[in-house]
């Protein structure tokens, strides 16, 4: 990636209007969640994805995750860097390893065009 030193830093403004639809009212179009729930177990997580779509998932990022490019990720080396929320969109098996297919928010130049496979476990996820 090129250096950001030459990029003019501009604070974004929020106009609360849509440039392509002036009839849309900001407060009516704004959606928020009133609650959430947890899902435990691999089969329950799969059923949730099949029934309702993607699930929000959190996990601990380790140093070796930063250099992920392909394959099924599982932590091998490095220190914990902190928690991270991602979107789990599916699952599969590669070379005998069951994985979750996830979307990262770091941009499409990271990982496998912004996605990654992480070794499937029996931990819970939150929706």
C-alpha atoms as a PDB file:
ATOM      1  CA  UNK A   1       0.000   0.000   0.000  1.00  0.00           C
ATOM      2  CA  UNK A   2       1.289   3.487  -0.722  1.00  0.00           C
ATOM      3  CA  UNK A   3       2.167   5.839   2.090  1.00  0.00           C
ATOM      4  CA  UNK A   4      -0.701   7.848   3.561  1.00  0.00           C
ATOM      5  CA  UNK A   5       1.579  10.795   4.380  1.00  0.00           C
ATOM      6  CA  UNK A   6       0.534  12.700   1.245  1.00  0.00           C
ATOM      7  CA  UNK A   7      -3.190  12.082   1.704  1.00  0.00           C
ATOM      8  CA  UNK A   8      -5.093  15.096   2.926  1.00  0.00           C
ATOM      9  CA  UNK A   9      -6.906  14.174   6.151  1.00  0.00           C
ATOM     10  CA  UNK A  10     -10.511  15.358   6.092  1.00  0.00           C
ATOM     11  CA  UNK A  11     -13.044  14.810   8.860  1.00  0.00           C
ATOM     12  CA  UNK A  12     -16.225  13.317   7.396  1.00  0.00           C
ATOM     13  CA  UNK A  13     -19.502  15.133   7.787  1.00  0.00           C
ATOM     14  CA  UNK A  14     -22.873  13.531   8.385  1.00  0.00           C
ATOM     15  CA  UNK A  15     -25.609  15.239   6.374  1.00  0.00           C
ATOM     16  CA  UNK A  16     -28.340  12.768   7.422  1.00  0.00           C
ATOM     17  CA  UNK A  17     -29.714  12.762   3.878  1.00  0.00           C
ATOM     18  CA  UNK A  18     -29.293  10.350   0.995  1.00  0.00           C
ATOM     19  CA  UNK A  19     -27.812  11.918  -2.150  1.00  0.00           C
ATOM     20  CA  UNK A  20     -29.759   9.526  -4.391  1.00  0.00           C
ATOM     21  CA  UNK A  21     -33.110   9.525  -2.539  1.00  0.00           C
ATOM     22  CA  UNK A  22     -34.283  12.770  -0.953  1.00  0.00           C
ATOM     23  CA  UNK A  23     -37.561  11.127   0.118  1.00  0.00           C
ATOM     24  CA  UNK A  24     -35.810   8.812   2.571  1.00  0.00           C
ATOM     25  CA  UNK A  25     -35.943  10.101   6.146  1.00  0.00           C
ATOM     26  CA  UNK A  26     -32.824   9.434   8.218  1.00  0.00           C
ATOM     27  CA  UNK A  27     -34.552   8.608  11.519  1.00  0.00           C
ATOM     28  CA  UNK A  28     -37.029   6.258   9.790  1.00  0.00           C
ATOM     29  CA  UNK A  29     -34.267   4.467   7.874  1.00  0.00           C
ATOM     30  CA  UNK A  30     -31.940   3.990  10.859  1.00  0.00           C
ATOM     31  CA  UNK A  31     -31.962   0.441  12.237  1.00  0.00           C
ATOM     32  CA  UNK A  32     -30.588  -0.639  15.580  1.00  0.00           C
ATOM     33  CA  UNK A  33     -30.670  -3.833  17.566  1.00  0.00           C
ATOM     34  CA  UNK A  34     -32.640  -4.120  20.772  1.00  0.00           C
ATOM     35  CA  UNK A  35     -31.153  -7.462  21.813  1.00  0.00           C
ATOM     36  CA  UNK A  36     -28.733 -10.225  20.921  1.00  0.00           C
ATOM     37  CA  UNK A  37     -28.345 -13.882  21.726  1.00  0.00           C
ATOM     38  CA  UNK A  38     -25.584 -16.470  21.801  1.00  0.00           C
ATOM     39  CA  UNK A  39     -25.328 -19.700  19.857  1.00  0.00           C
ATOM     40  CA  UNK A  40     -23.266 -22.648  21.088  1.00  0.00           C
ATOM     41  CA  UNK A  41     -22.141 -25.723  19.207  1.00  0.00           C
ATOM     42  CA  UNK A  42     -20.964 -26.229  15.643  1.00  0.00           C
ATOM     43  CA  UNK A  43     -24.254 -27.673  14.365  1.00  0.00           C
ATOM     44  CA  UNK A  44     -26.285 -24.899  16.012  1.00  0.00           C
ATOM     45  CA  UNK A  45     -24.049 -22.244  14.448  1.00  0.00           C
ATOM     46  CA  UNK A  46     -24.439 -23.871  11.021  1.00  0.00           C
ATOM     47  CA  UNK A  47     -28.218 -23.988  11.462  1.00  0.00           C
ATOM     48  CA  UNK A  48     -28.232 -20.297  12.429  1.00  0.00           C
ATOM     49  CA  UNK A  49     -26.313 -19.357   9.270  1.00  0.00           C
ATOM     50  CA  UNK A  50     -28.601 -21.472   7.074  1.00  0.00           C
ATOM     51  CA  UNK A  51     -31.749 -20.031   8.675  1.00  0.00           C
ATOM     52  CA  UNK A  52     -30.891 -16.382   9.299  1.00  0.00           C
ATOM     53  CA  UNK A  53     -27.684 -15.636   7.398  1.00  0.00           C
ATOM     54  CA  UNK A  54     -24.373 -14.365   8.662  1.00  0.00           C
ATOM     55  CA  UNK A  55     -23.450 -14.241  12.333  1.00  0.00           C
ATOM     56  CA  UNK A  56     -21.232 -11.771  14.131  1.00  0.00           C
ATOM     57  CA  UNK A  57     -18.334 -13.545  15.771  1.00  0.00           C
ATOM     58  CA  UNK A  58     -15.570 -12.403  18.096  1.00  0.00           C
ATOM     59  CA  UNK A  59     -12.177 -13.979  18.624  1.00  0.00           C
ATOM     60  CA  UNK A  60      -8.704 -13.185  19.924  1.00  0.00           C
ATOM     61  CA  UNK A  61      -6.276 -11.982  17.249  1.00  0.00           C
ATOM     62  CA  UNK A  62      -2.700 -13.238  17.544  1.00  0.00           C
ATOM     63  CA  UNK A  63       0.353 -11.868  15.752  1.00  0.00           C
ATOM     64  CA  UNK A  64       0.424 -14.695  13.196  1.00  0.00           C
ATOM     65  CA  UNK A  65      -3.106 -13.827  12.038  1.00  0.00           C
ATOM     66  CA  UNK A  66      -1.848 -10.511  10.631  1.00  0.00           C
ATOM     67  CA  UNK A  67       0.074 -12.317   7.866  1.00  0.00           C
ATOM     68  CA  UNK A  68      -2.709 -14.740   6.859  1.00  0.00           C
ATOM     69  CA  UNK A  69      -3.032 -15.216   3.093  1.00  0.00           C
ATOM     70  CA  UNK A  70      -4.767 -18.564   2.479  1.00  0.00           C
ATOM     71  CA  UNK A  71      -5.559 -21.973   3.891  1.00  0.00           C
ATOM     72  CA  UNK A  72      -7.152 -22.728   7.238  1.00  0.00           C
ATOM     73  CA  UNK A  73      -5.844 -20.427   9.967  1.00  0.00           C
ATOM     74  CA  UNK A  74      -5.125 -21.701  13.448  1.00  0.00           C
ATOM     75  CA  UNK A  75      -2.969 -19.839  15.952  1.00  0.00           C
ATOM     76  CA  UNK A  76       0.614 -21.127  15.949  1.00  0.00           C
ATOM     77  CA  UNK A  77       2.937 -18.330  17.099  1.00  0.00           C
ATOM     78  CA  UNK A  78       2.942 -14.839  18.521  1.00  0.00           C
ATOM     79  CA  UNK A  79       1.270 -12.945  21.295  1.00  0.00           C
ATOM     80  CA  UNK A  80      -2.373 -12.029  21.677  1.00  0.00           C
ATOM     81  CA  UNK A  81      -3.119  -8.573  20.283  1.00  0.00           C
ATOM     82  CA  UNK A  82      -6.724  -8.211  21.407  1.00  0.00           C
ATOM     83  CA  UNK A  83     -10.285  -9.028  20.530  1.00  0.00           C
ATOM     84  CA  UNK A  84     -11.747  -8.635  17.055  1.00  0.00           C
ATOM     85  CA  UNK A  85     -15.264  -8.887  15.624  1.00  0.00           C
ATOM     86  CA  UNK A  86     -15.818 -10.492  12.234  1.00  0.00           C
ATOM     87  CA  UNK A  87     -18.677 -11.859  10.135  1.00  0.00           C
ATOM     88  CA  UNK A  88     -19.014 -15.642   9.770  1.00  0.00           C
ATOM     89  CA  UNK A  89     -20.666 -16.473   6.445  1.00  0.00           C
ATOM     90  CA  UNK A  90     -20.221 -20.220   6.008  1.00  0.00           C
ATOM     91  CA  UNK A  91     -18.084 -23.291   6.537  1.00  0.00           C
ATOM     92  CA  UNK A  92     -16.242 -26.048   4.719  1.00  0.00           C
ATOM     93  CA  UNK A  93     -13.459 -28.626   4.858  1.00  0.00           C
ATOM     94  CA  UNK A  94      -9.994 -28.198   3.382  1.00  0.00           C
ATOM     95  CA  UNK A  95      -7.324 -30.908   3.566  1.00  0.00           C
ATOM     96  CA  UNK A  96      -9.327 -32.671   6.274  1.00  0.00           C
ATOM     97  CA  UNK A  97      -9.681 -29.548   8.435  1.00  0.00           C
ATOM     98  CA  UNK A  98     -13.149 -28.162   9.146  1.00  0.00           C
ATOM     99  CA  UNK A  99     -13.224 -24.367   9.016  1.00  0.00           C
ATOM    100  CA  UNK A 100     -15.482 -21.346   9.336  1.00  0.00           C
ATOM    101  CA  UNK A 101     -15.465 -18.962   6.359  1.00  0.00           C
ATOM    102  CA  UNK A 102     -15.295 -15.387   7.634  1.00  0.00           C
ATOM    103  CA  UNK A 103     -15.145 -11.809   6.366  1.00  0.00           C
ATOM    104  CA  UNK A 104     -12.660  -9.437   7.947  1.00  0.00           C
ATOM    105  CA  UNK A 105     -13.083  -5.658   8.032  1.00  0.00           C
ATOM    106  CA  UNK A 106      -9.443  -4.835   7.255  1.00  0.00           C
ATOM    107  CA  UNK A 107     -10.047  -4.415   3.468  1.00  0.00           C
ATOM    108  CA  UNK A 108      -9.957  -6.691   0.457  1.00  0.00           C
ATOM    109  CA  UNK A 109      -6.155  -6.598   0.148  1.00  0.00           C
ATOM    110  CA  UNK A 110      -5.754  -8.503   3.426  1.00  0.00           C
ATOM    111  CA  UNK A 111      -6.013 -12.302   3.564  1.00  0.00           C
ATOM    112  CA  UNK A 112      -7.878 -13.976   0.727  1.00  0.00           C
ATOM    113  CA  UNK A 113      -9.523 -10.830  -0.725  1.00  0.00           C
ATOM    114  CA  UNK A 114     -10.774  -9.826   2.730  1.00  0.00           C
ATOM    115  CA  UNK A 115     -11.948 -13.282   3.757  1.00  0.00           C
ATOM    116  CA  UNK A 116     -10.305 -16.039   5.735  1.00  0.00           C
ATOM    117  CA  UNK A 117     -10.852 -19.593   6.885  1.00  0.00           C
ATOM    118  CA  UNK A 118     -10.384 -20.319  10.575  1.00  0.00           C
ATOM    119  CA  UNK A 119     -10.213 -23.742  12.177  1.00  0.00           C
ATOM    120  CA  UNK A 120     -13.673 -24.729  13.308  1.00  0.00           C
ATOM    121  CA  UNK A 121     -14.195 -25.124  17.019  1.00  0.00           C
ATOM    122  CA  UNK A 122     -17.088 -25.672  19.323  1.00  0.00           C
ATOM    123  CA  UNK A 123     -17.075 -22.179  20.781  1.00  0.00           C
ATOM    124  CA  UNK A 124     -20.125 -19.967  20.923  1.00  0.00           C
ATOM    125  CA  UNK A 125     -20.901 -16.989  18.708  1.00  0.00           C
ATOM    126  CA  UNK A 126     -23.206 -14.027  19.208  1.00  0.00           C
ATOM    127  CA  UNK A 127     -25.789 -12.770  16.765  1.00  0.00           C
END
